[in-house]
Amino acid sequence: MEDYLIIFEFAASLGAFEGYVYGKQKAQQLNLEALENWSANIEKAYAHLDKEVQRAIQDPCHQTAGRALRSLEPVLGKDHLIIQRLYNLLADKEPLPESADAFNKKKWFNREP
């Protein structure tokens, strides 16, 4: 049961991060100190996930982190520490989402049984 909790907490933190940065167009709209701590915690949590779990959640993780990157890169620049931490969550072979609005996956609960 604890494994499910760990996955949930990681996913919730990354999803909340994406939601917080979405639509922010100026650094002044962001609490950079909190985001640096938050991104460090997300990176650490991901590193602690079993490799099997990382592989299983890689696509949605890549999409969520990628949309957060699309929101933040224009504001912070590609070399910012927060950006680099998010890149550490990405699968190298996958392209980033086209934008912060790129939601191309049908939700599991909307699929036919």
C-alpha atoms as a PDB file:
ATOM      1  CA  MET A   1       0.000   0.000   0.000  1.00  0.00           C
ATOM      2  CA  GLU A   2       2.872   2.358   0.769  1.00  0.00           C
ATOM      3  CA  ASP A   3       4.082   2.059  -2.849  1.00  0.00           C
ATOM      4  CA  TYR A   4       0.812   3.545  -4.075  1.00  0.00           C
ATOM      5  CA  LEU A   5       1.085   6.404  -1.606  1.00  0.00           C
ATOM      6  CA  ILE A   6       4.618   7.210  -2.780  1.00  0.00           C
ATOM      7  CA  ILE A   7       3.511   7.289  -6.424  1.00  0.00           C
ATOM      8  CA  PHE A   8       0.483   9.410  -5.549  1.00  0.00           C
ATOM      9  CA  GLU A   9       2.554  11.913  -3.583  1.00  0.00           C
ATOM     10  CA  PHE A  10       5.068  12.255  -6.419  1.00  0.00           C
ATOM     11  CA  ALA A  11       2.349  12.692  -9.046  1.00  0.00           C
ATOM     12  CA  ALA A  12       0.383  15.137  -6.907  1.00  0.00           C
ATOM     13  CA  SER A  13       3.463  17.261  -6.268  1.00  0.00           C
ATOM     14  CA  LEU A  14       4.453  17.370  -9.949  1.00  0.00           C
ATOM     15  CA  GLY A  15       0.878  18.097 -11.028  1.00  0.00           C
ATOM     16  CA  ALA A  16       0.479  20.860  -8.464  1.00  0.00           C
ATOM     17  CA  PHE A  17       3.809  22.335  -9.599  1.00  0.00           C
ATOM     18  CA  GLU A  18       2.607  22.356 -13.198  1.00  0.00           C
ATOM     19  CA  GLY A  19      -0.636  24.034 -12.155  1.00  0.00           C
ATOM     20  CA  TYR A  20       1.167  26.684 -10.102  1.00  0.00           C
ATOM     21  CA  VAL A  21       3.490  27.746 -12.932  1.00  0.00           C
ATOM     22  CA  TYR A  22       0.860  27.577 -15.683  1.00  0.00           C
ATOM     23  CA  GLY A  23       0.137  30.945 -17.228  1.00  0.00           C
ATOM     24  CA  LYS A  24       2.797  32.844 -15.311  1.00  0.00           C
ATOM     25  CA  GLN A  25       4.497  35.218 -17.738  1.00  0.00           C
ATOM     26  CA  LYS A  26       6.819  37.103 -15.381  1.00  0.00           C
ATOM     27  CA  ALA A  27       9.278  35.949 -12.748  1.00  0.00           C
ATOM     28  CA  GLN A  28       7.635  38.373 -10.319  1.00  0.00           C
ATOM     29  CA  GLN A  29       4.507  36.206 -10.448  1.00  0.00           C
ATOM     30  CA  LEU A  30       6.477  33.252  -9.101  1.00  0.00           C
ATOM     31  CA  ASN A  31       7.817  32.473  -5.644  1.00  0.00           C
ATOM     32  CA  LEU A  32      11.239  31.356  -6.891  1.00  0.00           C
ATOM     33  CA  GLU A  33      12.489  30.327  -3.457  1.00  0.00           C
ATOM     34  CA  ALA A  34       9.514  28.008  -3.016  1.00  0.00           C
ATOM     35  CA  LEU A  35       9.844  26.701  -6.583  1.00  0.00           C
ATOM     36  CA  GLU A  36      13.524  25.908  -6.068  1.00  0.00           C
ATOM     37  CA  ASN A  37      12.671  23.887  -2.962  1.00  0.00           C
ATOM     38  CA  TRP A  38       9.649  22.286  -4.635  1.00  0.00           C
ATOM     39  CA  SER A  39      11.595  21.298  -7.757  1.00  0.00           C
ATOM     40  CA  ALA A  40      14.390  19.843  -5.593  1.00  0.00           C
ATOM     41  CA  ASN A  41      11.835  17.743  -3.713  1.00  0.00           C
ATOM     42  CA  ILE A  42      10.254  16.532  -6.964  1.00  0.00           C
ATOM     43  CA  GLU A  43      13.660  15.605  -8.366  1.00  0.00           C
ATOM     44  CA  LYS A  44      14.577  13.719  -5.167  1.00  0.00           C
ATOM     45  CA  ALA A  45      11.238  11.929  -5.069  1.00  0.00           C
ATOM     46  CA  TYR A  46      11.626  10.816  -8.690  1.00  0.00           C
ATOM     47  CA  ALA A  47      15.143   9.535  -7.992  1.00  0.00           C
ATOM     48  CA  HIS A  48      13.792   7.453  -5.092  1.00  0.00           C
ATOM     49  CA  LEU A  49      11.159   5.734  -7.214  1.00  0.00           C
ATOM     50  CA  ASP A  50      12.013   2.211  -8.312  1.00  0.00           C
ATOM     51  CA  LYS A  51      13.288   2.084 -11.889  1.00  0.00           C
ATOM     52  CA  GLU A  52      10.292  -0.082 -12.803  1.00  0.00           C
ATOM     53  CA  VAL A  53       7.936   2.592 -11.468  1.00  0.00           C
ATOM     54  CA  GLN A  54       9.858   5.328 -13.300  1.00  0.00           C
ATOM     55  CA  ARG A  55       9.439   3.415 -16.563  1.00  0.00           C
ATOM     56  CA  ALA A  56       5.740   2.799 -15.912  1.00  0.00           C
ATOM     57  CA  ILE A  57       4.950   6.481 -15.258  1.00  0.00           C
ATOM     58  CA  GLN A  58       7.470   8.014 -17.674  1.00  0.00           C
ATOM     59  CA  ASP A  59       4.996   9.141 -20.332  1.00  0.00           C
ATOM     60  CA  PRO A  60       2.651  11.087 -18.041  1.00  0.00           C
ATOM     61  CA  CYS A  61       5.626  12.360 -16.025  1.00  0.00           C
ATOM     62  CA  HIS A  62       7.279  13.565 -19.241  1.00  0.00           C
ATOM     63  CA  GLN A  63       4.100  15.281 -20.388  1.00  0.00           C
ATOM     64  CA  THR A  64       3.464  16.982 -17.038  1.00  0.00           C
ATOM     65  CA  ALA A  65       7.075  18.099 -16.516  1.00  0.00           C
ATOM     66  CA  GLY A  66       7.233  19.127 -20.184  1.00  0.00           C
ATOM     67  CA  ARG A  67       4.184  21.381 -19.885  1.00  0.00           C
ATOM     68  CA  ALA A  68       5.709  22.956 -16.761  1.00  0.00           C
ATOM     69  CA  LEU A  69       8.908  23.537 -18.744  1.00  0.00           C
ATOM     70  CA  ARG A  70       6.921  25.179 -21.539  1.00  0.00           C
ATOM     71  CA  SER A  71       5.465  27.556 -18.950  1.00  0.00           C
ATOM     72  CA  LEU A  72       8.745  28.323 -17.186  1.00  0.00           C
ATOM     73  CA  GLU A  73      11.446  28.395 -19.870  1.00  0.00           C
ATOM     74  CA  PRO A  74      10.303  31.681 -21.421  1.00  0.00           C
ATOM     75  CA  VAL A  75      10.265  33.248 -17.949  1.00  0.00           C
ATOM     76  CA  LEU A  76      13.407  31.780 -16.350  1.00  0.00           C
ATOM     77  CA  GLY A  77      15.567  30.718 -19.290  1.00  0.00           C
ATOM     78  CA  LYS A  78      16.868  27.267 -20.162  1.00  0.00           C
ATOM     79  CA  ASP A  79      19.854  27.404 -17.788  1.00  0.00           C
ATOM     80  CA  HIS A  80      17.923  28.109 -14.582  1.00  0.00           C
ATOM     81  CA  LEU A  81      18.302  25.491 -11.832  1.00  0.00           C
ATOM     82  CA  ILE A  82      14.542  24.851 -11.698  1.00  0.00           C
ATOM     83  CA  ILE A  83      14.496  24.161 -15.436  1.00  0.00           C
ATOM     84  CA  GLN A  84      17.429  21.773 -15.181  1.00  0.00           C
ATOM     85  CA  ARG A  85      15.711  19.847 -12.406  1.00  0.00           C
ATOM     86  CA  LEU A  86      12.617  19.407 -14.552  1.00  0.00           C
ATOM     87  CA  TYR A  87      14.725  18.210 -17.471  1.00  0.00           C
ATOM     88  CA  ASN A  88      16.070  15.481 -15.184  1.00  0.00           C
ATOM     89  CA  LEU A  89      12.560  13.975 -15.131  1.00  0.00           C
ATOM     90  CA  LEU A  90      12.282  13.700 -18.900  1.00  0.00           C
ATOM     91  CA  ALA A  91      12.776  10.745 -21.191  1.00  0.00           C
ATOM     92  CA  ASP A  92      15.532  11.773 -23.574  1.00  0.00           C
ATOM     93  CA  LYS A  93      13.879  10.321 -26.652  1.00  0.00           C
ATOM     94  CA  GLU A  94      10.503  11.973 -26.240  1.00  0.00           C
ATOM     95  CA  PRO A  95       9.778  15.417 -27.656  1.00  0.00           C
ATOM     96  CA  LEU A  96       8.471  18.037 -25.265  1.00  0.00           C
ATOM     97  CA  PRO A  97       4.798  18.931 -25.441  1.00  0.00           C
ATOM     98  CA  GLU A  98       4.239  21.695 -27.993  1.00  0.00           C
ATOM     99  CA  SER A  99       2.990  24.101 -25.357  1.00  0.00           C
ATOM    100  CA  ALA A 100       1.857  24.375 -21.762  1.00  0.00           C
ATOM    101  CA  ASP A 101      -1.636  23.678 -23.122  1.00  0.00           C
ATOM    102  CA  ALA A 102      -0.746  20.413 -24.887  1.00  0.00           C
ATOM    103  CA  PHE A 103      -3.023  17.794 -23.384  1.00  0.00           C
ATOM    104  CA  ASN A 104      -3.088  15.004 -25.936  1.00  0.00           C
ATOM    105  CA  LYS A 105      -3.823  11.952 -23.836  1.00  0.00           C
ATOM    106  CA  LYS A 106      -7.283  10.600 -23.233  1.00  0.00           C
ATOM    107  CA  LYS A 107      -7.809  10.177 -19.500  1.00  0.00           C
ATOM    108  CA  TRP A 108      -7.902   6.581 -18.276  1.00  0.00           C
ATOM    109  CA  PHE A 109     -11.323   7.064 -16.711  1.00  0.00           C
ATOM    110  CA  ASN A 110     -12.803   8.191 -20.055  1.00  0.00           C
ATOM    111  CA  ARG A 111     -11.702   5.086 -21.939  1.00  0.00           C
ATOM    112  CA  GLU A 112     -14.060   2.344 -22.945  1.00  0.00           C
ATOM    113  CA  PRO A 113     -14.009  -0.557 -20.464  1.00  0.00           C
END
